[in-house]
Every structure is written in C-alpha cells, then in structure tokens.
Amino acid sequence: MKVDLAFLAHKASEIDKYRVETCCVIGNYYSLRAEHQKAVLYF
C-alpha cells in the first residue's frame, strides 16, 4: 500500500523525525520503492 505508507512516513516525520519508529517507517517506504540503499540508511 504505497500511498498509505507514504502518508504514514510523511506524518511520522512531521511529528518527530528522530524517533526510531519514524526511521523504520521511512526505511520501509524506501524499501517498497526498491530504493534499498536509502532504506538501509534510515534503518
């Protein structure tokens, strides 16, 4: 669900971009887009 995951990543980043959960959400978003190097950076 790319659209829902993108919205969740955006919302989490707005709330607190330095929470581990936010980094994980954004990492999953990049992983779903097959941007694995970016996903690794966030994890």
PDB file of all heavy atoms in Angstrom:
ATOM      1  N   MET A   1       0.858  -1.187   0.000  1.00  0.00           N
ATOM      2  CA  MET A   1       0.000   0.000   0.000  1.00  0.00           C
ATOM      3  C   MET A   1       0.898   1.244   0.000  1.00  0.00           C
ATOM      4  O   MET A   1       1.111   1.886   1.038  1.00  0.00           O
ATOM      5  CB  MET A   1      -0.938  -0.048   1.211  1.00  0.00           C
ATOM      6  CG  MET A   1      -1.894  -1.241   1.156  1.00  0.00           C
ATOM      7  SD  MET A   1      -2.770  -1.572   2.716  1.00  0.00           S
ATOM      8  CE  MET A   1      -3.918  -0.191   2.763  1.00  0.00           C
ATOM      9  N   LYS A   2       1.435   1.580  -1.169  1.00  0.00           N
ATOM     10  CA  LYS A   2       2.439   2.653  -1.286  1.00  0.00           C
ATOM     11  C   LYS A   2       1.923   4.008  -0.831  1.00  0.00           C
ATOM     12  O   LYS A   2       2.619   4.752  -0.144  1.00  0.00           O
ATOM     13  CB  LYS A   2       2.928   2.754  -2.744  1.00  0.00           C
ATOM     14  CG  LYS A   2       3.912   1.675  -3.139  1.00  0.00           C
ATOM     15  CD  LYS A   2       4.454   1.935  -4.531  1.00  0.00           C
ATOM     16  CE  LYS A   2       5.425   0.837  -4.943  1.00  0.00           C
ATOM     17  NZ  LYS A   2       5.963   1.058  -6.300  1.00  0.00           N
ATOM     18  N   VAL A   3       0.696   4.335  -1.227  1.00  0.00           N
ATOM     19  CA  VAL A   3       0.143   5.652  -0.896  1.00  0.00           C
ATOM     20  C   VAL A   3      -0.021   5.788   0.618  1.00  0.00           C
ATOM     21  O   VAL A   3       0.369   6.804   1.216  1.00  0.00           O
ATOM     22  CB  VAL A   3      -1.205   5.873  -1.611  1.00  0.00           C
ATOM     23  CG1 VAL A   3      -1.846   7.180  -1.168  1.00  0.00           C
ATOM     24  CG2 VAL A   3      -1.010   5.856  -3.127  1.00  0.00           C
ATOM     25  N   ASP A   4      -0.582   4.755   1.257  1.00  0.00           N
ATOM     26  CA  ASP A   4      -0.791   4.778   2.711  1.00  0.00           C
ATOM     27  C   ASP A   4       0.542   4.839   3.451  1.00  0.00           C
ATOM     28  O   ASP A   4       0.670   5.563   4.452  1.00  0.00           O
ATOM     29  CB  ASP A   4      -1.573   3.544   3.164  1.00  0.00           C
ATOM     30  CG  ASP A   4      -2.976   3.513   2.603  1.00  0.00           C
ATOM     31  OD1 ASP A   4      -3.119   3.222   1.406  1.00  0.00           O
ATOM     32  OD2 ASP A   4      -3.928   3.772   3.354  1.00  0.00           O
ATOM     33  N   LEU A   5       1.522   4.080   2.947  1.00  0.00           N
ATOM     34  CA  LEU A   5       2.831   4.064   3.602  1.00  0.00           C
ATOM     35  C   LEU A   5       3.534   5.413   3.430  1.00  0.00           C
ATOM     36  O   LEU A   5       4.184   5.909   4.363  1.00  0.00           O
ATOM     37  CB  LEU A   5       3.691   2.927   3.027  1.00  0.00           C
ATOM     38  CG  LEU A   5       5.040   2.668   3.704  1.00  0.00           C
ATOM     39  CD1 LEU A   5       4.909   2.558   5.219  1.00  0.00           C
ATOM     40  CD2 LEU A   5       5.681   1.400   3.137  1.00  0.00           C
ATOM     41  N   ALA A   6       3.390   6.022   2.264  1.00  0.00           N
ATOM     42  CA  ALA A   6       3.979   7.351   2.031  1.00  0.00           C
ATOM     43  C   ALA A   6       3.357   8.388   2.973  1.00  0.00           C
ATOM     44  O   ALA A   6       4.063   9.219   3.556  1.00  0.00           O
ATOM     45  CB  ALA A   6       3.765   7.773   0.582  1.00  0.00           C
ATOM     46  N   PHE A   7       2.025   8.303   3.148  1.00  0.00           N
ATOM     47  CA  PHE A   7       1.340   9.234   4.057  1.00  0.00           C
ATOM     48  C   PHE A   7       1.806   9.030   5.496  1.00  0.00           C
ATOM     49  O   PHE A   7       2.062  10.005   6.219  1.00  0.00           O
ATOM     50  CB  PHE A   7      -0.175   9.034   3.962  1.00  0.00           C
ATOM     51  CG  PHE A   7      -0.951   9.926   4.886  1.00  0.00           C
ATOM     52  CD1 PHE A   7      -1.158  11.264   4.583  1.00  0.00           C
ATOM     53  CD2 PHE A   7      -1.468   9.421   6.077  1.00  0.00           C
ATOM     54  CE1 PHE A   7      -1.860  12.097   5.451  1.00  0.00           C
ATOM     55  CE2 PHE A   7      -2.173  10.241   6.946  1.00  0.00           C
ATOM     56  CZ  PHE A   7      -2.370  11.588   6.621  1.00  0.00           C
ATOM     57  N   LEU A   8       1.932   7.765   5.908  1.00  0.00           N
ATOM     58  CA  LEU A   8       2.385   7.460   7.276  1.00  0.00           C
ATOM     59  C   LEU A   8       3.806   7.977   7.495  1.00  0.00           C
ATOM     60  O   LEU A   8       4.105   8.556   8.546  1.00  0.00           O
ATOM     61  CB  LEU A   8       2.315   5.949   7.529  1.00  0.00           C
ATOM     62  CG  LEU A   8       2.733   5.473   8.923  1.00  0.00           C
ATOM     63  CD1 LEU A   8       1.786   6.026   9.983  1.00  0.00           C
ATOM     64  CD2 LEU A   8       2.769   3.954   8.988  1.00  0.00           C
ATOM     65  N   ALA A   9       4.681   7.781   6.500  1.00  0.00           N
ATOM     66  CA  ALA A   9       6.070   8.243   6.606  1.00  0.00           C
ATOM     67  C   ALA A   9       6.111   9.775   6.731  1.00  0.00           C
ATOM     68  O   ALA A   9       6.867  10.322   7.554  1.00  0.00           O
ATOM     69  CB  ALA A   9       6.865   7.791   5.384  1.00  0.00           C
ATOM     70  N   HIS A  10       5.303  10.453   5.935  1.00  0.00           N
ATOM     71  CA  HIS A  10       5.254  11.921   5.975  1.00  0.00           C
ATOM     72  C   HIS A  10       4.753  12.409   7.334  1.00  0.00           C
ATOM     73  O   HIS A  10       5.332  13.320   7.938  1.00  0.00           O
ATOM     74  CB  HIS A  10       4.344  12.433   4.861  1.00  0.00           C
ATOM     75  CG  HIS A  10       4.178  13.920   4.839  1.00  0.00           C
ATOM     76  ND1 HIS A  10       5.197  14.785   4.492  1.00  0.00           N
ATOM     77  CD2 HIS A  10       3.099  14.701   5.158  1.00  0.00           C
ATOM     78  CE1 HIS A  10       4.763  16.034   4.586  1.00  0.00           C
ATOM     79  NE2 HIS A  10       3.499  16.007   4.989  1.00  0.00           N
ATOM     80  N   LYS A  11       3.692  11.765   7.832  1.00  0.00           N
ATOM     81  CA  LYS A  11       3.098  12.168   9.114  1.00  0.00           C
ATOM     82  C   LYS A  11       4.073  11.920  10.261  1.00  0.00           C
ATOM     83  O   LYS A  11       4.260  12.778  11.135  1.00  0.00           O
ATOM     84  CB  LYS A  11       1.808  11.373   9.338  1.00  0.00           C
ATOM     85  CG  LYS A  11       0.999  11.833  10.542  1.00  0.00           C
ATOM     86  CD  LYS A  11       0.402  13.207  10.326  1.00  0.00           C
ATOM     87  CE  LYS A  11      -0.446  13.633  11.515  1.00  0.00           C
ATOM     88  NZ  LYS A  11      -0.888  15.026  11.402  1.00  0.00           N
ATOM     89  N   ALA A  12       4.722  10.741  10.266  1.00  0.00           N
ATOM     90  CA  ALA A  12       5.676  10.393  11.328  1.00  0.00           C
ATOM     91  C   ALA A  12       6.850  11.368  11.340  1.00  0.00           C
ATOM     92  O   ALA A  12       7.308  11.800  12.399  1.00  0.00           O
ATOM     93  CB  ALA A  12       6.174   8.958  11.143  1.00  0.00           C
ATOM     94  N   SER A  13       7.313  11.751  10.147  1.00  0.00           N
ATOM     95  CA  SER A  13       8.425  12.694  10.035  1.00  0.00           C
ATOM     96  C   SER A  13       8.038  14.071  10.562  1.00  0.00           C
ATOM     97  O   SER A  13       8.845  14.765  11.191  1.00  0.00           O
ATOM     98  CB  SER A  13       8.873  12.794   8.576  1.00  0.00           C
ATOM     99  OG  SER A  13      10.039  13.567   8.465  1.00  0.00           O
ATOM    100  N   GLU A  14       6.786  14.467  10.330  1.00  0.00           N
ATOM    101  CA  GLU A  14       6.287  15.747  10.847  1.00  0.00           C
ATOM    102  C   GLU A  14       6.239  15.745  12.377  1.00  0.00           C
ATOM    103  O   GLU A  14       6.550  16.733  13.023  1.00  0.00           O
ATOM    104  CB  GLU A  14       4.873  16.007  10.322  1.00  0.00           C
ATOM    105  CG  GLU A  14       4.830  16.693   8.972  1.00  0.00           C
ATOM    106  CD  GLU A  14       3.400  17.082   8.605  1.00  0.00           C
ATOM    107  OE1 GLU A  14       2.457  16.601   9.272  1.00  0.00           O
ATOM    108  OE2 GLU A  14       3.223  17.857   7.648  1.00  0.00           O
ATOM    109  N   ILE A  15       5.861  14.599  12.954  1.00  0.00           N
ATOM    110  CA  ILE A  15       5.720  14.503  14.416  1.00  0.00           C
ATOM    111  C   ILE A  15       7.088  14.506  15.084  1.00  0.00           C
ATOM    112  O   ILE A  15       7.345  15.276  16.010  1.00  0.00           O
ATOM    113  CB  ILE A  15       4.921  13.234  14.805  1.00  0.00           C
ATOM    114  CG1 ILE A  15       3.491  13.329  14.265  1.00  0.00           C
ATOM    115  CG2 ILE A  15       4.917  13.034  16.322  1.00  0.00           C
ATOM    116  CD1 ILE A  15       2.721  12.020  14.325  1.00  0.00           C
ATOM    117  N   ASP A  16       7.990  13.612  14.632  1.00  0.00           N
ATOM    118  CA  ASP A  16       9.336  13.531  15.225  1.00  0.00           C
ATOM    119  C   ASP A  16      10.230  12.725  14.293  1.00  0.00           C
ATOM    120  O   ASP A  16      10.161  11.499  14.264  1.00  0.00           O
ATOM    121  CB  ASP A  16       9.284  12.882  16.608  1.00  0.00           C
ATOM    122  CG  ASP A  16      10.631  12.914  17.316  1.00  0.00           C
ATOM    123  OD1 ASP A  16      11.638  13.277  16.674  1.00  0.00           O
ATOM    124  OD2 ASP A  16      10.689  12.569  18.514  1.00  0.00           O
ATOM    125  N   LYS A  17      11.064  13.427  13.529  1.00  0.00           N
ATOM    126  CA  LYS A  17      11.903  12.731  12.540  1.00  0.00           C
ATOM    127  C   LYS A  17      13.049  11.946  13.178  1.00  0.00           C
ATOM    128  O   LYS A  17      13.701  11.147  12.521  1.00  0.00           O
ATOM    129  CB  LYS A  17      12.442  13.718  11.507  1.00  0.00           C
ATOM    130  CG  LYS A  17      13.393  14.768  12.052  1.00  0.00           C
ATOM    131  CD  LYS A  17      14.035  15.563  10.905  1.00  0.00           C
ATOM    132  CE  LYS A  17      13.005  16.434  10.201  1.00  0.00           C
ATOM    133  NZ  LYS A  17      13.636  17.332   9.196  1.00  0.00           N
ATOM    134  N   TYR A  18      13.302  12.165  14.491  1.00  0.00           N
ATOM    135  CA  TYR A  18      14.414  11.482  15.143  1.00  0.00           C
ATOM    136  C   TYR A  18      13.963  10.375  16.100  1.00  0.00           C
ATOM    137  O   TYR A  18      14.691   9.979  16.979  1.00  0.00           O
ATOM    138  CB  TYR A  18      15.304  12.496  15.876  1.00  0.00           C
ATOM    139  CG  TYR A  18      15.953  13.459  14.921  1.00  0.00           C
ATOM    140  CD1 TYR A  18      15.564  14.800  14.891  1.00  0.00           C
ATOM    141  CD2 TYR A  18      16.908  13.037  14.005  1.00  0.00           C
ATOM    142  CE1 TYR A  18      16.143  15.686  13.998  1.00  0.00           C
ATOM    143  CE2 TYR A  18      17.490  13.913  13.107  1.00  0.00           C
ATOM    144  CZ  TYR A  18      17.102  15.238  13.103  1.00  0.00           C
ATOM    145  OH  TYR A  18      17.671  16.108  12.212  1.00  0.00           O
ATOM    146  N   ARG A  19      12.751   9.882  15.893  1.00  0.00           N
ATOM    147  CA  ARG A  19      12.291   8.710  16.654  1.00  0.00           C
ATOM    148  C   ARG A  19      12.639   7.466  15.854  1.00  0.00           C
ATOM    149  O   ARG A  19      12.574   7.465  14.612  1.00  0.00           O
ATOM    150  CB  ARG A  19      10.779   8.782  16.873  1.00  0.00           C
ATOM    151  CG  ARG A  19      10.352   9.533  18.098  1.00  0.00           C
ATOM    152  CD  ARG A  19      10.430   8.720  19.374  1.00  0.00           C
ATOM    153  NE  ARG A  19       9.425   7.676  19.424  1.00  0.00           N
ATOM    154  CZ  ARG A  19       8.223   7.813  19.969  1.00  0.00           C
ATOM    155  NH1 ARG A  19       7.872   8.966  20.520  1.00  0.00           N
ATOM    156  NH2 ARG A  19       7.372   6.804  19.983  1.00  0.00           N
ATOM    157  N   VAL A  20      12.989   6.378  16.558  1.00  0.00           N
ATOM    158  CA  VAL A  20      13.354   5.140  15.848  1.00  0.00           C
ATOM    159  C   VAL A  20      12.188   4.630  15.000  1.00  0.00           C
ATOM    160  O   VAL A  20      12.401   4.116  13.892  1.00  0.00           O
ATOM    161  CB  VAL A  20      13.828   4.043  16.829  1.00  0.00           C
ATOM    162  CG1 VAL A  20      15.180   4.356  17.410  1.00  0.00           C
ATOM    163  CG2 VAL A  20      12.816   3.807  17.951  1.00  0.00           C
ATOM    164  N   GLU A  21      10.956   4.787  15.509  1.00  0.00           N
ATOM    165  CA  GLU A  21       9.797   4.321  14.740  1.00  0.00           C
ATOM    166  C   GLU A  21       9.674   5.084  13.423  1.00  0.00           C
ATOM    167  O   GLU A  21       9.355   4.484  12.381  1.00  0.00           O
ATOM    168  CB  GLU A  21       8.506   4.495  15.561  1.00  0.00           C
ATOM    169  CG  GLU A  21       8.393   3.602  16.763  1.00  0.00           C
ATOM    170  CD  GLU A  21       8.993   4.197  18.026  1.00  0.00           C
ATOM    171  OE1 GLU A  21       9.693   5.238  17.926  1.00  0.00           O
ATOM    172  OE2 GLU A  21       8.775   3.644  19.105  1.00  0.00           O
ATOM    173  N   THR A  22       9.959   6.387  13.452  1.00  0.00           N
ATOM    174  CA  THR A  22       9.897   7.196  12.225  1.00  0.00           C
ATOM    175  C   THR A  22      10.924   6.708  11.213  1.00  0.00           C
ATOM    176  O   THR A  22      10.613   6.553  10.013  1.00  0.00           O
ATOM    177  CB  THR A  22      10.151   8.684  12.557  1.00  0.00           C
ATOM    178  OG1 THR A  22       9.160   9.130  13.481  1.00  0.00           O
ATOM    179  CG2 THR A  22      10.100   9.545  11.316  1.00  0.00           C
ATOM    180  N   CYS A  23      12.137   6.482  11.676  1.00  0.00           N
ATOM    181  CA  CYS A  23      13.202   5.986  10.783  1.00  0.00           C
ATOM    182  C   CYS A  23      12.806   4.647  10.155  1.00  0.00           C
ATOM    183  O   CYS A  23      13.054   4.402   8.968  1.00  0.00           O
ATOM    184  CB  CYS A  23      14.512   5.822  11.555  1.00  0.00           C
ATOM    185  SG  CYS A  23      15.191   7.376  12.164  1.00  0.00           S
ATOM    186  N   CYS A  24      12.169   3.807  10.964  1.00  0.00           N
ATOM    187  CA  CYS A  24      11.744   2.492  10.469  1.00  0.00           C
ATOM    188  C   CYS A  24      10.647   2.635   9.413  1.00  0.00           C
ATOM    189  O   CYS A  24      10.677   1.966   8.374  1.00  0.00           O
ATOM    190  CB  CYS A  24      11.249   1.657  11.644  1.00  0.00           C
ATOM    191  SG  CYS A  24      10.899  -0.041  11.209  1.00  0.00           S
ATOM    192  N   VAL A  25       9.679   3.508   9.664  1.00  0.00           N
ATOM    193  CA  VAL A  25       8.581   3.746   8.705  1.00  0.00           C
ATOM    194  C   VAL A  25       9.145   4.247   7.375  1.00  0.00           C
ATOM    195  O   VAL A  25       8.776   3.750   6.301  1.00  0.00           O
ATOM    196  CB  VAL A  25       7.566   4.755   9.277  1.00  0.00           C
ATOM    197  CG1 VAL A  25       6.559   5.167   8.208  1.00  0.00           C
ATOM    198  CG2 VAL A  25       6.830   4.166  10.483  1.00  0.00           C
ATOM    199  N   ILE A  26      10.046   5.234   7.447  1.00  0.00           N
ATOM    200  CA  ILE A  26      10.634   5.792   6.217  1.00  0.00           C
ATOM    201  C   ILE A  26      11.487   4.736   5.508  1.00  0.00           C
ATOM    202  O   ILE A  26      11.463   4.629   4.275  1.00  0.00           O
ATOM    203  CB  ILE A  26      11.468   7.052   6.536  1.00  0.00           C
ATOM    204  CG1 ILE A  26      10.560   8.148   7.113  1.00  0.00           C
ATOM    205  CG2 ILE A  26      12.170   7.575   5.284  1.00  0.00           C
ATOM    206  CD1 ILE A  26      11.307   9.358   7.654  1.00  0.00           C
ATOM    207  N   GLY A  27      12.211   3.933   6.286  1.00  0.00           N
ATOM    208  CA  GLY A  27      13.002   2.845   5.705  1.00  0.00           C
ATOM    209  C   GLY A  27      12.137   1.865   4.943  1.00  0.00           C
ATOM    210  O   GLY A  27      12.466   1.450   3.824  1.00  0.00           O
ATOM    211  N   ASN A  28      10.987   1.512   5.520  1.00  0.00           N
ATOM    212  CA  ASN A  28      10.054   0.604   4.838  1.00  0.00           C
ATOM    213  C   ASN A  28       9.503   1.234   3.560  1.00  0.00           C
ATOM    214  O   ASN A  28       9.297   0.555   2.549  1.00  0.00           O
ATOM    215  CB  ASN A  28       8.903   0.228   5.774  1.00  0.00           C
ATOM    216  CG  ASN A  28       9.218  -0.965   6.643  1.00  0.00           C
ATOM    217  OD1 ASN A  28      10.030  -1.810   6.284  1.00  0.00           O
ATOM    218  ND2 ASN A  28       8.595  -1.038   7.807  1.00  0.00           N
ATOM    219  N   TYR A  29       9.264   2.536   3.607  1.00  0.00           N
ATOM    220  CA  TYR A  29       8.757   3.245   2.420  1.00  0.00           C
ATOM    221  C   TYR A  29       9.763   3.145   1.274  1.00  0.00           C
ATOM    222  O   TYR A  29       9.400   2.807   0.139  1.00  0.00           O
ATOM    223  CB  TYR A  29       8.471   4.701   2.782  1.00  0.00           C
ATOM    224  CG  TYR A  29       8.208   5.582   1.583  1.00  0.00           C
ATOM    225  CD1 TYR A  29       7.052   5.431   0.823  1.00  0.00           C
ATOM    226  CD2 TYR A  29       9.133   6.564   1.205  1.00  0.00           C
ATOM    227  CE1 TYR A  29       6.819   6.241  -0.285  1.00  0.00           C
ATOM    228  CE2 TYR A  29       8.896   7.372   0.098  1.00  0.00           C
ATOM    229  CZ  TYR A  29       7.742   7.204  -0.640  1.00  0.00           C
ATOM    230  OH  TYR A  29       7.509   7.994  -1.748  1.00  0.00           O
ATOM    231  N   TYR A  30      11.041   3.414   1.567  1.00  0.00           N
ATOM    232  CA  TYR A  30      12.064   3.326   0.518  1.00  0.00           C
ATOM    233  C   TYR A  30      12.273   1.880   0.056  1.00  0.00           C
ATOM    234  O   TYR A  30      12.531   1.622  -1.123  1.00  0.00           O
ATOM    235  CB  TYR A  30      13.381   3.928   1.005  1.00  0.00           C
ATOM    236  CG  TYR A  30      13.395   5.438   0.941  1.00  0.00           C
ATOM    237  CD1 TYR A  30      13.592   6.207   2.083  1.00  0.00           C
ATOM    238  CD2 TYR A  30      13.195   6.103  -0.264  1.00  0.00           C
ATOM    239  CE1 TYR A  30      13.594   7.605   2.022  1.00  0.00           C
ATOM    240  CE2 TYR A  30      13.189   7.489  -0.335  1.00  0.00           C
ATOM    241  CZ  TYR A  30      13.389   8.234   0.809  1.00  0.00           C
ATOM    242  OH  TYR A  30      13.382   9.608   0.735  1.00  0.00           O
ATOM    243  N   SER A  31      12.133   0.939   0.982  1.00  0.00           N
ATOM    244  CA  SER A  31      12.276  -0.471   0.607  1.00  0.00           C
ATOM    245  C   SER A  31      11.185  -0.887  -0.380  1.00  0.00           C
ATOM    246  O   SER A  31      11.453  -1.588  -1.358  1.00  0.00           O
ATOM    247  CB  SER A  31      12.210  -1.347   1.858  1.00  0.00           C
ATOM    248  OG  SER A  31      12.351  -2.708   1.522  1.00  0.00           O
ATOM    249  N   LEU A  32       9.951  -0.416  -0.123  1.00  0.00           N
ATOM    250  CA  LEU A  32       8.837  -0.746  -1.021  1.00  0.00           C
ATOM    251  C   LEU A  32       9.052  -0.145  -2.404  1.00  0.00           C
ATOM    252  O   LEU A  32       8.614  -0.709  -3.417  1.00  0.00           O
ATOM    253  CB  LEU A  32       7.517  -0.248  -0.416  1.00  0.00           C
ATOM    254  CG  LEU A  32       6.226  -0.700  -1.102  1.00  0.00           C
ATOM    255  CD1 LEU A  32       6.136  -2.209  -1.192  1.00  0.00           C
ATOM    256  CD2 LEU A  32       5.010  -0.143  -0.371  1.00  0.00           C
ATOM    257  N   ARG A  33       9.764   0.975  -2.455  1.00  0.00           N
ATOM    258  CA  ARG A  33      10.091   1.591  -3.740  1.00  0.00           C
ATOM    259  C   ARG A  33      11.357   0.998  -4.358  1.00  0.00           C
ATOM    260  O   ARG A  33      11.851   1.479  -5.367  1.00  0.00           O
ATOM    261  CB  ARG A  33      10.292   3.096  -3.539  1.00  0.00           C
ATOM    262  CG  ARG A  33       9.004   3.839  -3.227  1.00  0.00           C
ATOM    263  CD  ARG A  33       9.224   5.320  -3.050  1.00  0.00           C
ATOM    264  NE  ARG A  33       9.930   5.929  -4.194  1.00  0.00           N
ATOM    265  CZ  ARG A  33      10.164   7.222  -4.318  1.00  0.00           C
ATOM    266  NH1 ARG A  33       9.762   8.058  -3.378  1.00  0.00           N
ATOM    267  NH2 ARG A  33      10.812   7.696  -5.359  1.00  0.00           N
ATOM    268  N   ALA A  34      11.881  -0.060  -3.718  1.00  0.00           N
ATOM    269  CA  ALA A  34      13.102  -0.757  -4.174  1.00  0.00           C
ATOM    270  C   ALA A  34      14.335   0.145  -4.128  1.00  0.00           C
ATOM    271  O   ALA A  34      15.313  -0.098  -4.828  1.00  0.00           O
ATOM    272  CB  ALA A  34      12.903  -1.343  -5.574  1.00  0.00           C
ATOM    273  N   GLU A  35      14.295   1.183  -3.293  1.00  0.00           N
ATOM    274  CA  GLU A  35      15.476   2.035  -3.078  1.00  0.00           C
ATOM    275  C   GLU A  35      16.183   1.536  -1.811  1.00  0.00           C
ATOM    276  O   GLU A  35      16.108   2.148  -0.735  1.00  0.00           O
ATOM    277  CB  GLU A  35      15.056   3.504  -2.944  1.00  0.00           C
ATOM    278  CG  GLU A  35      14.433   4.061  -4.223  1.00  0.00           C
ATOM    279  CD  GLU A  35      14.065   5.541  -4.083  1.00  0.00           C
ATOM    280  OE1 GLU A  35      14.899   6.312  -3.557  1.00  0.00           O
ATOM    281  OE2 GLU A  35      12.948   5.905  -4.494  1.00  0.00           O
ATOM    282  N   HIS A  36      16.846   0.389  -1.967  1.00  0.00           N
ATOM    283  CA  HIS A  36      17.348  -0.350  -0.805  1.00  0.00           C
ATOM    284  C   HIS A  36      18.479   0.379  -0.085  1.00  0.00           C
ATOM    285  O   HIS A  36      18.608   0.284   1.137  1.00  0.00           O
ATOM    286  CB  HIS A  36      17.778  -1.757  -1.226  1.00  0.00           C
ATOM    287  CG  HIS A  36      16.661  -2.539  -1.837  1.00  0.00           C
ATOM    288  ND1 HIS A  36      15.527  -2.876  -1.129  1.00  0.00           N
ATOM    289  CD2 HIS A  36      16.486  -3.033  -3.103  1.00  0.00           C
ATOM    290  CE1 HIS A  36      14.705  -3.550  -1.934  1.00  0.00           C
ATOM    291  NE2 HIS A  36      15.267  -3.656  -3.129  1.00  0.00           N
ATOM    292  N   GLN A  37      19.294   1.117  -0.825  1.00  0.00           N
ATOM    293  CA  GLN A  37      20.392   1.843  -0.188  1.00  0.00           C
ATOM    294  C   GLN A  37      19.852   2.929   0.750  1.00  0.00           C
ATOM    295  O   GLN A  37      20.340   3.110   1.865  1.00  0.00           O
ATOM    296  CB  GLN A  37      21.300   2.468  -1.256  1.00  0.00           C
ATOM    297  CG  GLN A  37      22.666   2.903  -0.729  1.00  0.00           C
ATOM    298  CD  GLN A  37      23.491   1.750  -0.202  1.00  0.00           C
ATOM    299  OE1 GLN A  37      23.716   0.766  -0.886  1.00  0.00           O
ATOM    300  NE2 GLN A  37      23.928   1.866   1.045  1.00  0.00           N
ATOM    301  N   LYS A  38      18.809   3.631   0.300  1.00  0.00           N
ATOM    302  CA  LYS A  38      18.188   4.651   1.151  1.00  0.00           C
ATOM    303  C   LYS A  38      17.520   4.006   2.368  1.00  0.00           C
ATOM    304  O   LYS A  38      17.567   4.543   3.483  1.00  0.00           O
ATOM    305  CB  LYS A  38      17.147   5.449   0.356  1.00  0.00           C
ATOM    306  CG  LYS A  38      17.751   6.507  -0.555  1.00  0.00           C
ATOM    307  CD  LYS A  38      16.646   7.347  -1.167  1.00  0.00           C
ATOM    308  CE  LYS A  38      17.236   8.429  -2.089  1.00  0.00           C
ATOM    309  NZ  LYS A  38      16.167   9.221  -2.724  1.00  0.00           N
ATOM    310  N   ALA A  39      16.889   2.857   2.134  1.00  0.00           N
ATOM    311  CA  ALA A  39      16.238   2.140   3.237  1.00  0.00           C
ATOM    312  C   ALA A  39      17.265   1.773   4.309  1.00  0.00           C
ATOM    313  O   ALA A  39      17.027   1.963   5.508  1.00  0.00           O
ATOM    314  CB  ALA A  39      15.547   0.886   2.724  1.00  0.00           C
ATOM    315  N   VAL A  40      18.422   1.276   3.875  1.00  0.00           N
ATOM    316  CA  VAL A  40      19.498   0.912   4.806  1.00  0.00           C
ATOM    317  C   VAL A  40      19.923   2.115   5.634  1.00  0.00           C
ATOM    318  O   VAL A  40      20.119   2.013   6.859  1.00  0.00           O
ATOM    319  CB  VAL A  40      20.709   0.322   4.041  1.00  0.00           C
ATOM    320  CG1 VAL A  40      21.945   0.260   4.935  1.00  0.00           C
ATOM    321  CG2 VAL A  40      20.381  -1.079   3.531  1.00  0.00           C
ATOM    322  N   LEU A  41      20.059   3.283   4.996  1.00  0.00           N
ATOM    323  CA  LEU A  41      20.479   4.496   5.708  1.00  0.00           C
ATOM    324  C   LEU A  41      19.517   4.843   6.843  1.00  0.00           C
ATOM    325  O   LEU A  41      19.945   5.218   7.937  1.00  0.00           O
ATOM    326  CB  LEU A  41      20.581   5.674   4.736  1.00  0.00           C
ATOM    327  CG  LEU A  41      21.763   5.649   3.762  1.00  0.00           C
ATOM    328  CD1 LEU A  41      21.643   6.786   2.757  1.00  0.00           C
ATOM    329  CD2 LEU A  41      23.087   5.756   4.525  1.00  0.00           C
ATOM    330  N   TYR A  42      18.211   4.686   6.587  1.00  0.00           N
ATOM    331  CA  TYR A  42      17.229   5.024   7.625  1.00  0.00           C
ATOM    332  C   TYR A  42      17.203   3.970   8.734  1.00  0.00           C
ATOM    333  O   TYR A  42      17.040   4.312   9.916  1.00  0.00           O
ATOM    334  CB  TYR A  42      15.836   5.219   7.016  1.00  0.00           C
ATOM    335  CG  TYR A  42      15.675   6.637   6.520  1.00  0.00           C
ATOM    336  CD1 TYR A  42      15.933   6.966   5.194  1.00  0.00           C
ATOM    337  CD2 TYR A  42      15.296   7.658   7.395  1.00  0.00           C
ATOM    338  CE1 TYR A  42      15.811   8.276   4.744  1.00  0.00           C
ATOM    339  CE2 TYR A  42      15.175   8.975   6.954  1.00  0.00           C
ATOM    340  CZ  TYR A  42      15.434   9.273   5.629  1.00  0.00           C
ATOM    341  OH  TYR A  42      15.320  10.580   5.207  1.00  0.00           O
ATOM    342  N   PHE A  43      17.360   2.705   8.377  1.00  0.00           N
ATOM    343  CA  PHE A  43      17.420   1.678   9.418  1.00  0.00           C
ATOM    344  C   PHE A  43      18.692   1.850  10.266  1.00  0.00           C
ATOM    345  O   PHE A  43      18.666   1.641  11.479  1.00  0.00           O
ATOM    346  CB  PHE A  43      17.360   0.278   8.803  1.00  0.00           C
ATOM    347  CG  PHE A  43      16.036  -0.045   8.147  1.00  0.00           C
ATOM    348  CD1 PHE A  43      15.985  -0.689   6.913  1.00  0.00           C
ATOM    349  CD2 PHE A  43      14.836   0.313   8.760  1.00  0.00           C
ATOM    350  CE1 PHE A  43      14.776  -0.984   6.313  1.00  0.00           C
ATOM    351  CE2 PHE A  43      13.615   0.024   8.162  1.00  0.00           C
ATOM    352  CZ  PHE A  43      13.583  -0.611   6.939  1.00  0.00           C
TER     353      PHE A  43
END
